[in-house]
Amino acid sequence: LGLFTVDKEDPNYYDSDLREMVEELALILCRVASGNESVAWRYQHFIEGGKARRRLAASVSHGPFALSEIGFIAKLLRAMFVPEVAASIDTKTNSKDFPSTVTTQIDKSSPFHEFSNELKLRFVHDVLVPETIIRLIMDHEEVSYEEAEHMMLHGYEE
């Protein structure tokens, strides 16, 4: 038809600047994974499970990022938070391109440590990817968490 162009993810995409920005968010993301970040409502919904957890997928958007950038962010977060699974999922990525794990910085009492690997992956994708997008928008646009979340979900309005 040619009316629409479909953004396809490049599995070999790499951006050292984006990697650095994501790695700089490690402490905040560990606070989110520990349940110690008050604005991160996604954590609470994930922990509640059921309908609250299932609705999380509807609260995610790529924001200003291309599909390849979102895929790259997800790879970085998997390496940081679920390294035992990341190595098998992201086999085409050179291990030196991965950041080091940050799971030791997550509060020991956090339910995150009790999750199965599958649940940890869901947590990364349903909670940490959108939290990362929001934080990157906050830093780039110099706006509040709420404004950045709105921008992620609804786009940039003049």
N, C-alpha and C. Protein backbone atom coordinates (compact mmCIF):
# COMPACT_ATOMS: atom_id res chain seq x y z
N LEU A 1 0.82 -1.20 0.00
CA LEU A 1 0.00 0.00 0.00
C LEU A 1 0.85 1.25 0.00
N GLY A 2 1.91 1.26 0.75
CA GLY A 2 2.82 2.39 0.75
C GLY A 2 2.34 3.60 1.53
N LEU A 3 1.21 3.49 2.23
CA LEU A 3 0.70 4.63 2.98
C LEU A 3 1.41 4.81 4.32
N PHE A 4 1.88 3.72 4.87
CA PHE A 4 2.51 3.76 6.18
C PHE A 4 3.91 3.17 6.10
N THR A 5 4.81 3.75 6.86
CA THR A 5 6.12 3.14 6.98
C THR A 5 6.19 2.50 8.36
N VAL A 6 6.74 1.33 8.41
CA VAL A 6 6.84 0.60 9.67
C VAL A 6 8.27 0.70 10.16
N ASP A 7 8.40 1.17 11.40
CA ASP A 7 9.72 1.27 12.03
C ASP A 7 10.13 -0.14 12.43
N LYS A 8 11.25 -0.60 11.92
CA LYS A 8 11.75 -1.93 12.26
C LYS A 8 12.96 -1.79 13.17
N GLU A 9 13.05 -2.70 14.13
CA GLU A 9 14.17 -2.66 15.06
C GLU A 9 15.42 -3.23 14.41
N ASP A 10 16.52 -2.53 14.57
CA ASP A 10 17.82 -3.00 14.11
C ASP A 10 18.47 -3.72 15.29
N PRO A 11 18.59 -5.06 15.23
CA PRO A 11 19.15 -5.80 16.37
C PRO A 11 20.62 -5.47 16.64
N ASN A 12 21.29 -4.85 15.70
CA ASN A 12 22.70 -4.49 15.88
C ASN A 12 22.89 -3.04 16.29
N TYR A 13 21.80 -2.35 16.56
CA TYR A 13 21.87 -0.93 16.92
C TYR A 13 22.71 -0.75 18.18
N TYR A 14 23.56 0.26 18.17
CA TYR A 14 24.38 0.58 19.34
C TYR A 14 24.58 2.09 19.39
N ASP A 15 24.41 2.66 20.57
CA ASP A 15 24.56 4.10 20.75
C ASP A 15 25.28 4.31 22.09
N SER A 16 26.54 4.69 22.03
CA SER A 16 27.33 4.84 23.26
C SER A 16 26.80 5.96 24.14
N ASP A 17 26.27 7.03 23.55
CA ASP A 17 25.71 8.13 24.35
C ASP A 17 24.46 7.67 25.10
N LEU A 18 23.58 6.95 24.41
CA LEU A 18 22.37 6.44 25.05
C LEU A 18 22.74 5.44 26.14
N ARG A 19 23.73 4.59 25.88
CA ARG A 19 24.18 3.64 26.90
C ARG A 19 24.63 4.38 28.15
N GLU A 20 25.42 5.43 27.97
CA GLU A 20 25.91 6.21 29.11
C GLU A 20 24.76 6.84 29.88
N MET A 21 23.77 7.38 29.16
CA MET A 21 22.62 8.00 29.83
C MET A 21 21.83 6.97 30.64
N VAL A 22 21.66 5.78 30.09
CA VAL A 22 20.93 4.72 30.80
C VAL A 22 21.74 4.27 32.02
N GLU A 23 23.03 4.09 31.87
CA GLU A 23 23.87 3.67 33.00
C GLU A 23 23.85 4.71 34.12
N GLU A 24 23.75 5.99 33.76
CA GLU A 24 23.68 7.05 34.78
C GLU A 24 22.40 6.97 35.60
N LEU A 25 21.39 6.29 35.09
CA LEU A 25 20.12 6.14 35.80
C LEU A 25 20.10 4.92 36.72
N ALA A 26 21.19 4.17 36.78
CA ALA A 26 21.23 2.90 37.52
C ALA A 26 20.76 3.03 38.96
N LEU A 27 21.23 4.04 39.68
CA LEU A 27 20.84 4.17 41.10
C LEU A 27 19.35 4.45 41.25
N ILE A 28 18.81 5.31 40.40
CA ILE A 28 17.37 5.60 40.44
C ILE A 28 16.58 4.33 40.11
N LEU A 29 17.01 3.62 39.09
CA LEU A 29 16.31 2.40 38.69
C LEU A 29 16.40 1.32 39.77
N CYS A 30 17.50 1.27 40.50
CA CYS A 30 17.60 0.35 41.64
C CYS A 30 16.63 0.75 42.74
N ARG A 31 16.46 2.06 42.95
CA ARG A 31 15.46 2.52 43.93
C ARG A 31 14.06 2.11 43.48
N VAL A 32 13.78 2.23 42.18
CA VAL A 32 12.49 1.79 41.64
C VAL A 32 12.31 0.30 41.90
N ALA A 33 13.32 -0.51 41.59
CA ALA A 33 13.24 -1.97 41.77
C ALA A 33 13.16 -2.35 43.25
N SER A 34 13.58 -1.45 44.12
CA SER A 34 13.51 -1.70 45.56
C SER A 34 12.18 -1.24 46.15
N GLY A 35 11.39 -0.51 45.34
CA GLY A 35 10.13 0.04 45.84
C GLY A 35 10.33 1.32 46.62
N ASN A 36 11.48 1.97 46.46
CA ASN A 36 11.81 3.16 47.23
C ASN A 36 11.75 4.45 46.42
N GLU A 37 11.01 4.44 45.34
CA GLU A 37 10.89 5.63 44.49
C GLU A 37 9.40 5.97 44.45
N SER A 38 9.00 7.01 45.19
CA SER A 38 7.58 7.29 45.42
C SER A 38 6.77 7.52 44.15
N VAL A 39 7.35 8.16 43.14
CA VAL A 39 6.58 8.46 41.93
C VAL A 39 6.45 7.26 41.00
N ALA A 40 7.17 6.21 41.26
CA ALA A 40 7.19 5.05 40.36
C ALA A 40 6.02 4.11 40.68
N TRP A 41 4.82 4.52 40.31
CA TRP A 41 3.61 3.74 40.60
C TRP A 41 3.61 2.39 39.90
N ARG A 42 4.35 2.24 38.81
CA ARG A 42 4.39 0.98 38.08
C ARG A 42 4.90 -0.17 38.97
N TYR A 43 5.84 0.14 39.85
CA TYR A 43 6.36 -0.87 40.77
C TYR A 43 5.21 -1.46 41.59
N GLN A 44 4.41 -0.58 42.19
CA GLN A 44 3.31 -1.03 43.04
C GLN A 44 2.30 -1.87 42.26
N HIS A 45 1.98 -1.45 41.05
CA HIS A 45 1.04 -2.21 40.22
C HIS A 45 1.62 -3.58 39.86
N PHE A 46 2.90 -3.63 39.60
CA PHE A 46 3.54 -4.91 39.27
C PHE A 46 3.49 -5.85 40.47
N ILE A 47 3.80 -5.33 41.65
CA ILE A 47 3.81 -6.14 42.87
C ILE A 47 2.40 -6.63 43.19
N GLU A 48 1.39 -5.78 42.96
CA GLU A 48 0.00 -6.18 43.22
C GLU A 48 -0.41 -7.36 42.36
N GLY A 49 0.13 -7.42 41.14
CA GLY A 49 -0.21 -8.52 40.23
C GLY A 49 -1.61 -8.37 39.66
N GLY A 50 -2.13 -9.44 39.11
CA GLY A 50 -3.48 -9.45 38.56
C GLY A 50 -3.72 -8.39 37.50
N LYS A 51 -4.91 -7.76 37.58
CA LYS A 51 -5.30 -6.75 36.59
C LYS A 51 -4.35 -5.56 36.59
N ALA A 52 -3.90 -5.16 37.77
CA ALA A 52 -2.99 -4.02 37.87
C ALA A 52 -1.72 -4.28 37.06
N ARG A 53 -1.19 -5.49 37.16
CA ARG A 53 0.03 -5.83 36.41
C ARG A 53 -0.27 -5.91 34.91
N ARG A 54 -1.39 -6.51 34.56
CA ARG A 54 -1.73 -6.64 33.13
C ARG A 54 -1.95 -5.29 32.47
N ARG A 55 -2.44 -4.30 33.21
CA ARG A 55 -2.68 -2.96 32.65
C ARG A 55 -1.39 -2.19 32.40
N LEU A 56 -0.29 -2.62 32.97
CA LEU A 56 0.97 -1.90 32.80
C LEU A 56 1.37 -1.77 31.34
N ALA A 57 1.15 -2.80 30.56
CA ALA A 57 1.54 -2.76 29.14
C ALA A 57 0.84 -1.63 28.40
N ALA A 58 -0.34 -1.24 28.84
CA ALA A 58 -1.07 -0.14 28.20
C ALA A 58 -0.52 1.22 28.62
N SER A 59 0.36 1.24 29.60
CA SER A 59 0.93 2.49 30.11
C SER A 59 2.36 2.69 29.65
N VAL A 60 2.67 2.15 28.48
CA VAL A 60 4.02 2.26 27.93
C VAL A 60 3.92 2.78 26.51
N SER A 61 4.82 3.68 26.19
CA SER A 61 4.92 4.18 24.83
C SER A 61 6.39 4.41 24.55
N HIS A 62 6.76 4.45 23.30
CA HIS A 62 8.16 4.68 22.94
C HIS A 62 8.58 6.12 23.18
N GLY A 63 7.60 7.01 23.39
CA GLY A 63 7.96 8.41 23.55
C GLY A 63 8.68 8.89 22.30
N PRO A 64 9.75 9.64 22.47
CA PRO A 64 10.47 10.19 21.32
C PRO A 64 11.48 9.22 20.70
N PHE A 65 11.54 7.99 21.21
CA PHE A 65 12.57 7.06 20.79
C PHE A 65 12.11 6.17 19.64
N ALA A 66 13.03 5.84 18.76
CA ALA A 66 12.77 4.90 17.67
C ALA A 66 12.77 3.49 18.24
N LEU A 67 12.19 2.57 17.50
CA LEU A 67 12.11 1.19 17.94
C LEU A 67 13.48 0.59 18.25
N SER A 68 14.49 0.91 17.45
CA SER A 68 15.84 0.40 17.69
C SER A 68 16.40 0.94 19.00
N GLU A 69 16.09 2.20 19.33
CA GLU A 69 16.56 2.78 20.59
C GLU A 69 15.88 2.11 21.78
N ILE A 70 14.58 1.84 21.65
CA ILE A 70 13.85 1.16 22.73
C ILE A 70 14.41 -0.25 22.92
N GLY A 71 14.66 -0.94 21.82
CA GLY A 71 15.26 -2.28 21.90
C GLY A 71 16.61 -2.25 22.57
N PHE A 72 17.39 -1.22 22.26
CA PHE A 72 18.72 -1.07 22.86
C PHE A 72 18.60 -0.79 24.36
N ILE A 73 17.67 0.08 24.74
CA ILE A 73 17.44 0.37 26.16
C ILE A 73 17.05 -0.91 26.89
N ALA A 74 16.16 -1.70 26.29
CA ALA A 74 15.73 -2.96 26.92
C ALA A 74 16.91 -3.92 27.08
N LYS A 75 17.78 -4.00 26.07
CA LYS A 75 18.98 -4.86 26.17
C LYS A 75 19.87 -4.42 27.33
N LEU A 76 20.08 -3.11 27.43
CA LEU A 76 20.92 -2.59 28.52
C LEU A 76 20.32 -2.94 29.87
N LEU A 77 19.02 -2.74 30.01
CA LEU A 77 18.36 -3.01 31.29
C LEU A 77 18.36 -4.50 31.62
N ARG A 78 18.19 -5.34 30.61
CA ARG A 78 18.29 -6.79 30.86
C ARG A 78 19.68 -7.14 31.38
N ALA A 79 20.70 -6.56 30.78
CA ALA A 79 22.08 -6.84 31.22
C ALA A 79 22.31 -6.34 32.64
N MET A 80 21.71 -5.22 32.98
CA MET A 80 21.91 -4.63 34.30
C MET A 80 21.11 -5.36 35.39
N PHE A 81 19.89 -5.81 35.05
CA PHE A 81 18.99 -6.34 36.07
C PHE A 81 18.73 -7.84 35.99
N VAL A 82 18.96 -8.46 34.84
CA VAL A 82 18.76 -9.90 34.69
C VAL A 82 19.90 -10.46 33.85
N PRO A 83 21.15 -10.31 34.31
CA PRO A 83 22.29 -10.70 33.48
C PRO A 83 22.31 -12.19 33.13
N GLU A 84 21.78 -13.02 34.02
CA GLU A 84 21.78 -14.46 33.76
C GLU A 84 20.90 -14.83 32.57
N VAL A 85 19.93 -13.99 32.26
CA VAL A 85 19.04 -14.23 31.13
C VAL A 85 19.48 -13.42 29.92
N ALA A 86 20.01 -12.25 30.15
CA ALA A 86 20.42 -11.36 29.05
C ALA A 86 21.41 -12.03 28.12
N ALA A 87 22.35 -12.75 28.68
CA ALA A 87 23.38 -13.39 27.86
C ALA A 87 22.78 -14.38 26.88
N SER A 88 21.70 -15.06 27.27
CA SER A 88 21.08 -16.03 26.36
C SER A 88 20.11 -15.37 25.39
N ILE A 89 19.46 -14.29 25.79
CA ILE A 89 18.51 -13.60 24.90
C ILE A 89 19.25 -12.76 23.86
N ASP A 90 20.21 -12.02 24.32
CA ASP A 90 20.92 -11.07 23.47
C ASP A 90 22.24 -11.66 22.99
N THR A 91 22.16 -12.80 22.35
CA THR A 91 23.36 -13.54 21.95
C THR A 91 24.17 -12.84 20.87
N LYS A 92 23.54 -11.98 20.07
CA LYS A 92 24.26 -11.32 18.99
C LYS A 92 25.05 -10.10 19.47
N THR A 93 24.85 -9.73 20.72
CA THR A 93 25.53 -8.57 21.26
C THR A 93 26.80 -9.01 21.97
N ASN A 94 27.89 -8.34 21.69
CA ASN A 94 29.17 -8.63 22.33
C ASN A 94 29.05 -8.31 23.82
N SER A 95 29.49 -9.20 24.67
CA SER A 95 29.35 -9.00 26.11
C SER A 95 30.03 -7.73 26.60
N LYS A 96 31.07 -7.27 25.92
CA LYS A 96 31.72 -6.03 26.36
C LYS A 96 30.82 -4.81 26.10
N ASP A 97 29.79 -4.99 25.27
CA ASP A 97 28.85 -3.91 25.00
C ASP A 97 27.78 -3.79 26.08
N PHE A 98 27.75 -4.75 27.01
CA PHE A 98 26.77 -4.74 28.08
C PHE A 98 27.31 -3.98 29.29
N PRO A 99 26.45 -3.24 29.97
CA PRO A 99 26.87 -2.67 31.25
C PRO A 99 26.93 -3.77 32.29
N SER A 100 27.58 -3.50 33.40
CA SER A 100 27.66 -4.51 34.45
C SER A 100 26.36 -4.56 35.23
N THR A 101 26.16 -5.67 35.91
CA THR A 101 24.94 -5.86 36.68
C THR A 101 24.86 -4.90 37.86
N VAL A 102 23.64 -4.51 38.22
CA VAL A 102 23.45 -3.59 39.33
C VAL A 102 22.55 -4.21 40.41
N THR A 103 22.24 -5.49 40.27
CA THR A 103 21.28 -6.11 41.18
C THR A 103 21.72 -6.09 42.64
N THR A 104 23.01 -6.00 42.89
CA THR A 104 23.48 -5.94 44.29
C THR A 104 23.10 -4.62 44.94
N GLN A 105 22.74 -3.62 44.13
CA GLN A 105 22.36 -2.32 44.67
C GLN A 105 20.86 -2.23 44.98
N ILE A 106 20.12 -3.28 44.66
CA ILE A 106 18.69 -3.32 44.96
C ILE A 106 18.53 -3.77 46.41
N ASP A 107 17.68 -3.08 47.15
CA ASP A 107 17.41 -3.39 48.55
C ASP A 107 17.19 -4.90 48.72
N LYS A 108 17.89 -5.48 49.68
CA LYS A 108 17.84 -6.94 49.90
C LYS A 108 16.43 -7.43 50.24
N SER A 109 15.59 -6.56 50.80
CA SER A 109 14.23 -6.96 51.16
C SER A 109 13.25 -6.82 50.00
N SER A 110 13.71 -6.35 48.87
CA SER A 110 12.83 -6.16 47.71
C SER A 110 12.34 -7.50 47.17
N PRO A 111 11.05 -7.58 46.82
CA PRO A 111 10.54 -8.81 46.19
C PRO A 111 11.25 -9.15 44.88
N PHE A 112 11.92 -8.18 44.28
CA PHE A 112 12.63 -8.41 43.02
C PHE A 112 13.54 -9.62 43.12
N HIS A 113 14.22 -9.77 44.26
CA HIS A 113 15.17 -10.87 44.43
C HIS A 113 14.49 -12.24 44.47
N GLU A 114 13.20 -12.25 44.77
CA GLU A 114 12.45 -13.51 44.84
C GLU A 114 11.79 -13.88 43.52
N PHE A 115 11.77 -12.95 42.57
CA PHE A 115 11.13 -13.20 41.28
C PHE A 115 11.86 -14.29 40.51
N SER A 116 11.11 -15.05 39.73
CA SER A 116 11.72 -15.98 38.76
C SER A 116 12.37 -15.13 37.68
N ASN A 117 13.23 -15.74 36.88
CA ASN A 117 13.86 -14.99 35.78
C ASN A 117 12.81 -14.44 34.81
N GLU A 118 11.76 -15.22 34.56
CA GLU A 118 10.69 -14.77 33.67
C GLU A 118 10.00 -13.53 34.23
N LEU A 119 9.74 -13.53 35.53
CA LEU A 119 9.09 -12.39 36.17
C LEU A 119 10.02 -11.18 36.21
N LYS A 120 11.32 -11.42 36.41
CA LYS A 120 12.29 -10.32 36.36
C LYS A 120 12.30 -9.68 34.98
N LEU A 121 12.23 -10.49 33.93
CA LEU A 121 12.17 -9.95 32.57
C LEU A 121 10.92 -9.11 32.36
N ARG A 122 9.78 -9.59 32.84
CA ARG A 122 8.54 -8.81 32.74
C ARG A 122 8.68 -7.51 33.50
N PHE A 123 9.30 -7.56 34.68
CA PHE A 123 9.51 -6.35 35.48
C PHE A 123 10.35 -5.34 34.71
N VAL A 124 11.42 -5.81 34.10
CA VAL A 124 12.28 -4.93 33.30
C VAL A 124 11.47 -4.26 32.20
N HIS A 125 10.69 -5.04 31.48
CA HIS A 125 9.95 -4.49 30.33
C HIS A 125 8.73 -3.67 30.74
N ASP A 126 8.02 -4.08 31.80
CA ASP A 126 6.80 -3.38 32.20
C ASP A 126 7.03 -2.21 33.14
N VAL A 127 8.13 -2.24 33.88
CA VAL A 127 8.39 -1.19 34.87
C VAL A 127 9.64 -0.38 34.52
N LEU A 128 10.76 -1.05 34.34
CA LEU A 128 12.02 -0.31 34.18
C LEU A 128 12.19 0.35 32.82
N VAL A 129 11.71 -0.26 31.74
CA VAL A 129 11.82 0.40 30.43
C VAL A 129 11.04 1.72 30.44
N PRO A 130 9.74 1.72 30.84
CA PRO A 130 9.04 3.01 30.85
C PRO A 130 9.63 4.01 31.84
N GLU A 131 10.09 3.52 33.00
CA GLU A 131 10.73 4.43 33.96
C GLU A 131 11.97 5.06 33.35
N THR A 132 12.73 4.29 32.59
CA THR A 132 13.93 4.81 31.94
C THR A 132 13.56 5.85 30.89
N ILE A 133 12.55 5.55 30.08
CA ILE A 133 12.11 6.51 29.06
C ILE A 133 11.70 7.82 29.73
N ILE A 134 10.92 7.72 30.80
CA ILE A 134 10.47 8.92 31.52
C ILE A 134 11.66 9.72 32.04
N ARG A 135 12.63 9.04 32.66
CA ARG A 135 13.80 9.74 33.22
C ARG A 135 14.63 10.39 32.11
N LEU A 136 14.76 9.73 30.97
CA LEU A 136 15.51 10.31 29.86
C LEU A 136 14.80 11.55 29.33
N ILE A 137 13.47 11.49 29.24
CA ILE A 137 12.70 12.67 28.82
C ILE A 137 12.86 13.79 29.85
N MET A 138 12.78 13.45 31.13
CA MET A 138 12.95 14.45 32.20
C MET A 138 14.26 15.19 32.04
N ASP A 139 15.34 14.43 31.84
CA ASP A 139 16.67 15.02 31.72
C ASP A 139 16.79 15.87 30.46
N HIS A 140 16.28 15.36 29.35
CA HIS A 140 16.43 16.05 28.07
C HIS A 140 15.56 17.30 27.98
N GLU A 141 14.32 17.20 28.45
CA GLU A 141 13.37 18.30 28.33
C GLU A 141 13.35 19.21 29.57
N GLU A 142 14.03 18.78 30.64
CA GLU A 142 14.05 19.53 31.90
C GLU A 142 12.64 19.77 32.42
N VAL A 143 11.89 18.67 32.55
CA VAL A 143 10.52 18.72 33.03
C VAL A 143 10.35 17.78 34.22
N SER A 144 9.20 17.88 34.89
CA SER A 144 8.92 17.03 36.04
C SER A 144 8.61 15.60 35.59
N TYR A 145 8.56 14.70 36.56
CA TYR A 145 8.23 13.30 36.28
C TYR A 145 6.86 13.22 35.60
N GLU A 146 5.88 13.92 36.16
CA GLU A 146 4.52 13.87 35.62
C GLU A 146 4.47 14.38 34.19
N GLU A 147 5.17 15.49 33.93
CA GLU A 147 5.20 16.04 32.57
C GLU A 147 5.88 15.07 31.60
N ALA A 148 6.98 14.47 32.05
CA ALA A 148 7.70 13.52 31.19
C ALA A 148 6.86 12.29 30.90
N GLU A 149 6.14 11.81 31.91
CA GLU A 149 5.28 10.65 31.70
C GLU A 149 4.18 10.99 30.69
N HIS A 150 3.60 12.18 30.82
CA HIS A 150 2.57 12.62 29.87
C HIS A 150 3.16 12.69 28.45
N MET A 151 4.37 13.22 28.34
CA MET A 151 5.03 13.32 27.04
C MET A 151 5.28 11.93 26.45
N MET A 152 5.68 10.98 27.30
CA MET A 152 5.92 9.63 26.82
C MET A 152 4.63 9.02 26.26
N LEU A 153 3.54 9.19 26.99
CA LEU A 153 2.29 8.54 26.63
C LEU A 153 1.51 9.25 25.53
N HIS A 154 1.60 10.59 25.49
CA HIS A 154 0.73 11.36 24.60
C HIS A 154 1.47 12.18 23.57
N GLY A 155 2.78 12.14 23.58
CA GLY A 155 3.55 12.89 22.60
C GLY A 155 3.86 14.30 23.07
N TYR A 156 4.52 15.00 22.21
CA TYR A 156 4.98 16.35 22.52
C TYR A 156 4.01 17.35 21.91
N GLU A 157 3.33 18.10 22.77
CA GLU A 157 2.37 19.09 22.28
C GLU A 157 2.99 20.47 22.39
N GLU A 158 2.66 21.29 21.44
CA GLU A 158 3.19 22.67 21.43
C GLU A 158 2.45 23.52 22.43
